[in-house]
Amino acid sequence: MCYSAQIQADYRRYVKMFGAQMDIREFARLFWERAEGSKAKIPKGMEDAFREPQSDDERQIKAFIDRFNTEQATALEQDLFKQRTRLADAERALQTKVTKAATESRRIATDKIESSLGRLDDLRRTTPKDRDSRIFPGHYAPVLVVENGQYVVKPMRYQCRIAGKSANYDTRFPGTYNSRRDSLEGFWRPLFGHSHGVMIVNRFYENVSRARMEGRTLAEGEKDENVVLEFTPDSGGERVLVVALDSQRSTRPAVVCGHHGRSAARSRRSRP
């Protein structure tokens, strides 16, 4: 099942390619809600589109982004101080006596320091990287829809909750970031043929069983491994247009669930 995709995160590409309008209010609401603590997951590539704002609305969005990132940086720096203190305490304890507790504390502190430094670097850097535009279930992405005969770009969540469903729908049906063809006229019937959008995707990824991929059964006592397959456009181009089902609600930014076939892409093994 496709669980992740590298997308075109800059809404301006949609505007240029399709002559679309940007739903500035939905983008502003999404970034404002995150700054207020909504915990919305937004890829860095979407933020970077507002690094050099050209209008008052875009400047307001950048202010929301800057506010959130400043708060994140402060929290990370505080945790760095805490973990560095923990690391120093563990190393002092280990100089006296090697214990399992001190060794584990040193390992945890070292890992957390490395993670926090990496996240701080991501917050501060301005040079884009491929991972800045990679989304996972629950992340937001620009999506092209039609409203009143006009192409419009909106931020939508990559995990679709059908309108009218309660919030626990996401946990009851955790696989609603991907729609299989055989479920389109069943589970997705309220949306299929009625509410669609388009995402620009550069590549997407799928988890598969190594044994199943190799077409064999596991030997006695053998444990299966997960393999990540990467799919890229067959055409040799840099992107593919992925059809999506969308469910737009008035209470929060719209959500999206992509569905696609494999005929448009070629695959290669990524990593276990």
Protein backbone atom coordinates (compact mmCIF):
# COMPACT_ATOMS: atom_id res chain seq x y z
CA MET A 1 0.00 0.00 0.00
CA CYS A 2 1.33 3.46 -0.91
CA TYR A 3 2.12 5.12 2.39
CA SER A 4 4.25 8.10 1.36
CA ALA A 5 4.83 10.39 -1.61
CA GLN A 6 7.19 13.12 -2.69
CA ILE A 7 4.95 15.89 -3.91
CA GLN A 8 5.09 19.26 -5.60
CA ALA A 9 4.70 21.28 -2.40
CA ASP A 10 4.81 24.77 -3.94
CA TYR A 11 1.28 25.94 -4.72
CA ARG A 12 2.69 28.31 -7.36
CA ARG A 13 3.42 25.37 -9.65
CA TYR A 14 -0.30 24.54 -9.70
CA VAL A 15 -1.12 28.16 -10.43
CA LYS A 16 1.36 28.22 -13.32
CA MET A 17 0.47 24.81 -14.79
CA PHE A 18 -3.31 25.06 -14.59
CA GLY A 19 -4.06 28.78 -14.35
CA ALA A 20 -5.50 28.03 -10.91
CA GLN A 21 -6.41 30.40 -8.12
CA MET A 22 -4.98 29.92 -4.66
CA ASP A 23 -7.43 29.58 -1.78
CA ILE A 24 -5.46 31.97 0.41
CA ARG A 25 -7.99 31.76 3.25
CA GLU A 26 -7.60 27.99 3.59
CA PHE A 27 -3.81 28.24 3.55
CA ALA A 28 -3.93 31.04 6.14
CA ARG A 29 -6.33 29.09 8.33
CA LEU A 30 -4.15 25.97 8.21
CA PHE A 31 -0.98 27.82 9.24
CA TRP A 32 -2.84 29.85 11.88
CA GLU A 33 -4.39 26.73 13.42
CA ARG A 34 -0.96 25.10 13.61
CA ALA A 35 0.50 28.19 15.27
CA GLU A 36 -2.36 27.98 17.77
CA GLY A 37 -1.52 24.37 18.60
CA SER A 38 -3.55 22.21 16.17
CA LYS A 39 -0.53 19.92 15.54
CA ALA A 40 -1.21 19.96 11.80
CA LYS A 41 1.65 18.29 9.91
CA ILE A 42 2.87 20.52 7.10
CA PRO A 43 5.95 19.70 4.99
CA LYS A 44 8.73 22.26 4.93
CA GLY A 45 8.32 22.56 1.17
CA MET A 46 4.85 24.08 1.67
CA GLU A 47 6.28 26.61 4.12
CA ASP A 48 9.09 27.58 1.76
CA ALA A 49 6.59 28.80 -0.85
CA PHE A 50 5.91 31.74 1.49
CA ARG A 51 9.54 32.59 2.27
CA GLU A 52 9.35 35.69 0.05
CA PRO A 53 5.72 36.86 0.39
CA GLN A 54 4.27 39.05 -2.35
CA SER A 55 1.02 40.20 -0.71
CA ASP A 56 -0.37 41.12 2.70
CA ASP A 57 -2.08 37.71 2.92
CA GLU A 58 1.17 35.90 2.18
CA ARG A 59 3.01 38.07 4.71
CA GLN A 60 0.43 37.07 7.31
CA ILE A 61 0.96 33.40 6.49
CA LYS A 62 4.73 33.85 6.78
CA ALA A 63 4.19 35.44 10.20
CA PHE A 64 2.25 32.33 11.31
CA ILE A 65 5.05 30.11 9.99
CA ASP A 66 7.76 32.17 11.70
CA ARG A 67 5.85 32.14 14.98
CA PHE A 68 5.47 28.37 14.91
CA ASN A 69 9.09 27.75 13.93
CA THR A 70 10.39 30.11 16.63
CA GLU A 71 8.38 28.23 19.26
CA GLN A 72 9.63 24.92 17.90
CA ALA A 73 13.24 26.10 18.00
CA THR A 74 12.86 27.26 21.60
CA ALA A 75 11.42 23.90 22.66
CA LEU A 76 14.21 22.02 20.86
CA GLU A 77 16.92 24.17 22.46
CA GLN A 78 15.42 23.55 25.89
CA ASP A 79 15.38 19.81 25.26
CA LEU A 80 18.98 19.96 24.02
CA PHE A 81 20.06 21.49 27.33
CA LYS A 82 18.16 18.78 29.20
CA GLN A 83 19.65 15.94 27.16
CA ARG A 84 23.18 17.32 27.31
CA THR A 85 22.87 17.46 31.10
CA ARG A 86 21.56 13.89 31.07
CA LEU A 87 24.48 12.79 28.87
CA ALA A 88 27.04 14.43 31.15
CA ASP A 89 25.48 12.78 34.21
CA ALA A 90 25.51 9.37 32.51
CA GLU A 91 29.14 9.71 31.45
CA ARG A 92 30.18 10.69 34.98
CA ALA A 93 28.33 7.68 36.37
CA LEU A 94 30.01 5.39 33.85
CA GLN A 95 33.45 6.62 34.87
CA THR A 96 32.72 5.31 38.36
CA LYS A 97 30.88 2.11 37.42
CA VAL A 98 29.51 0.68 34.20
CA THR A 99 25.82 -0.02 34.68
CA LYS A 100 23.00 -0.90 32.31
CA ALA A 101 20.97 2.14 33.44
CA ALA A 102 23.78 4.63 32.82
CA THR A 103 24.67 3.04 29.48
CA GLU A 104 21.04 3.23 28.34
CA SER A 105 20.71 6.80 29.57
CA ARG A 106 23.80 7.79 27.57
CA ARG A 107 22.41 6.11 24.45
CA ILE A 108 19.02 7.77 24.73
CA ALA A 109 20.51 11.19 25.41
CA THR A 110 22.91 10.87 22.46
CA ASP A 111 20.10 9.87 20.09
CA LYS A 112 17.85 12.72 21.27
CA ILE A 113 20.64 15.28 20.95
CA GLU A 114 21.31 14.14 17.38
CA SER A 115 17.60 14.29 16.55
CA SER A 116 17.12 17.77 18.04
CA LEU A 117 20.18 19.15 16.26
CA GLY A 118 18.88 17.76 12.96
CA ARG A 119 15.44 19.30 13.48
CA LEU A 120 17.00 22.66 14.39
CA ASP A 121 19.09 22.53 11.24
CA ASP A 122 15.94 21.86 9.18
CA LEU A 123 14.18 24.84 10.77
CA ARG A 124 17.05 27.19 9.96
CA ARG A 125 18.28 26.07 6.56
CA THR A 126 17.05 27.72 3.37
CA THR A 127 18.50 25.26 0.86
CA PRO A 128 15.74 22.82 -0.18
CA LYS A 129 16.11 19.05 0.08
CA ASP A 130 13.97 16.29 -1.43
CA ARG A 131 12.63 15.26 1.97
CA ASP A 132 11.13 18.74 2.45
CA SER A 133 8.34 17.76 0.04
CA ARG A 134 7.71 14.23 1.24
CA ILE A 135 4.38 13.53 2.87
CA PHE A 136 3.06 10.72 5.04
CA PRO A 137 -0.47 9.95 6.25
CA GLY A 138 -1.83 12.93 8.15
CA HIS A 139 0.40 15.45 6.34
CA TYR A 140 -1.02 18.33 4.31
CA ALA A 141 -0.35 18.96 0.62
CA PRO A 142 -1.58 21.33 -2.12
CA VAL A 143 -4.41 19.80 -4.14
CA LEU A 144 -6.12 21.08 -7.28
CA VAL A 145 -9.94 21.04 -7.28
CA VAL A 146 -12.69 22.70 -9.31
CA GLU A 147 -15.03 25.16 -7.63
CA ASN A 148 -17.68 27.02 -9.59
CA GLY A 149 -15.94 26.10 -12.84
CA GLN A 150 -12.58 27.49 -11.64
CA TYR A 151 -9.40 25.59 -10.82
CA VAL A 152 -8.51 26.23 -7.18
CA VAL A 153 -5.49 25.11 -5.10
CA LYS A 154 -6.25 24.14 -1.51
CA PRO A 155 -4.25 22.56 1.31
CA MET A 156 -5.66 19.11 2.06
CA ARG A 157 -4.74 16.34 4.43
CA TYR A 158 -3.33 13.09 3.08
CA GLN A 159 -5.83 10.93 4.96
CA CYS A 160 -9.45 11.22 4.02
CA ARG A 161 -12.29 11.48 6.51
CA ILE A 162 -15.61 11.44 4.70
CA ALA A 163 -17.74 14.48 5.58
CA GLY A 164 -20.02 13.91 8.55
CA LYS A 165 -17.81 11.25 10.17
CA SER A 166 -16.55 11.76 13.73
CA ALA A 167 -12.89 12.37 14.61
CA ASN A 168 -12.38 8.75 15.75
CA TYR A 169 -12.96 7.73 12.11
CA ASP A 170 -9.23 8.33 11.53
CA THR A 171 -8.24 5.75 14.15
CA ARG A 172 -11.00 3.29 13.29
CA PHE A 173 -9.95 3.35 9.62
CA PRO A 174 -6.21 4.19 9.66
CA GLY A 175 -5.74 3.15 6.04
CA THR A 176 -7.86 5.97 4.61
CA TYR A 177 -4.87 7.65 3.00
CA ASN A 178 -5.09 5.23 0.08
CA SER A 179 -8.09 4.01 -1.89
CA ARG A 180 -8.00 0.70 -3.72
CA ARG A 181 -9.83 0.33 -7.03
CA ASP A 182 -11.99 -2.46 -5.65
CA SER A 183 -13.24 -0.19 -2.84
CA LEU A 184 -14.13 2.86 -4.92
CA GLU A 185 -17.77 1.89 -5.39
CA GLY A 186 -18.04 0.52 -1.86
CA PHE A 187 -16.28 2.26 1.00
CA TRP A 188 -15.60 5.39 -1.07
CA ARG A 189 -18.96 5.49 -2.83
CA PRO A 190 -20.01 8.88 -1.28
CA LEU A 191 -16.99 10.51 -2.98
CA PHE A 192 -16.16 8.46 -6.06
CA GLY A 193 -17.48 10.15 -9.17
CA HIS A 194 -18.58 13.19 -7.17
CA SER A 195 -15.61 14.79 -5.42
CA HIS A 196 -12.15 14.60 -6.93
CA GLY A 197 -8.90 16.52 -6.99
CA VAL A 198 -5.40 16.24 -8.45
CA MET A 199 -2.00 16.11 -6.76
CA ILE A 200 1.34 16.60 -8.50
CA VAL A 201 3.60 13.76 -7.33
CA ASN A 202 7.26 13.23 -8.20
CA ARG A 203 7.43 9.73 -6.72
CA PHE A 204 5.65 7.57 -4.22
CA TYR A 205 6.59 4.74 -1.88
CA GLU A 206 5.08 1.43 -0.84
CA ASN A 207 5.80 -1.04 1.97
CA VAL A 208 5.98 -4.66 0.84
CA SER A 209 6.97 -7.98 2.36
CA ARG A 210 10.41 -9.10 1.18
CA ALA A 211 9.26 -12.73 0.92
CA ARG A 212 6.19 -11.73 -1.09
CA MET A 213 8.27 -9.48 -3.34
CA GLU A 214 10.66 -12.37 -4.01
CA GLY A 215 7.75 -14.76 -4.58
CA ARG A 216 8.73 -17.27 -1.92
CA THR A 217 7.56 -18.62 1.42
CA LEU A 218 9.48 -18.01 4.60
CA ALA A 219 11.79 -20.76 5.81
CA GLU A 220 11.14 -22.26 9.22
CA GLY A 221 12.16 -19.75 11.87
CA GLU A 222 12.83 -17.00 9.30
CA LYS A 223 11.42 -13.57 10.02
CA ASP A 224 10.06 -11.52 7.17
CA GLU A 225 11.46 -8.06 6.42
CA ASN A 226 9.81 -4.88 5.20
CA VAL A 227 11.07 -3.40 1.94
CA VAL A 228 10.27 0.10 0.72
CA LEU A 229 9.66 0.35 -3.02
CA GLU A 230 9.99 3.67 -4.77
CA PHE A 231 7.82 4.37 -7.81
CA THR A 232 8.81 7.03 -10.35
CA PRO A 233 7.09 8.17 -13.59
CA ASP A 234 7.47 5.78 -16.54
CA SER A 235 7.61 8.69 -18.94
CA GLY A 236 11.01 9.74 -17.63
CA GLY A 237 9.53 13.03 -16.50
CA GLU A 238 9.78 14.46 -13.03
CA ARG A 239 6.14 14.24 -12.02
CA VAL A 240 2.85 12.43 -12.41
CA LEU A 241 -0.67 13.73 -11.85
CA VAL A 242 -2.39 11.59 -9.23
CA VAL A 243 -6.17 11.55 -9.03
CA ALA A 244 -7.49 12.01 -5.51
CA LEU A 245 -10.77 11.68 -3.69
CA ASP A 246 -11.49 14.68 -1.51
CA SER A 247 -13.98 15.45 1.20
CA GLN A 248 -14.26 19.15 2.02
CA ARG A 249 -15.77 20.25 5.31
CA SER A 250 -16.43 23.70 6.71
CA THR A 251 -14.96 23.10 10.16
CA ARG A 252 -11.31 22.62 9.20
CA PRO A 253 -9.06 22.43 6.11
CA ALA A 254 -10.17 19.85 3.53
CA VAL A 255 -8.81 16.32 3.49
CA VAL A 256 -7.68 14.10 0.64
CA CYS A 257 -7.12 10.46 -0.22
CA GLY A 258 -5.20 9.59 -3.38
CA HIS A 259 -5.87 6.60 -5.59
CA HIS A 260 -3.71 5.52 -8.50
CA GLY A 261 -2.63 2.63 -10.65
CA ARG A 262 0.92 1.44 -11.21
CA SER A 263 0.84 1.78 -14.98
CA ALA A 264 2.08 5.35 -14.72
CA ALA A 265 5.22 4.49 -12.79
CA ARG A 266 8.23 2.21 -12.58
CA SER A 267 9.55 0.91 -9.31
CA ARG A 268 12.89 0.32 -7.67
CA ARG A 269 13.86 -0.95 -4.26
CA SER A 270 14.54 1.84 -1.82
CA ARG A 271 15.64 0.35 1.49
CA PRO A 272 14.61 -2.22 4.11
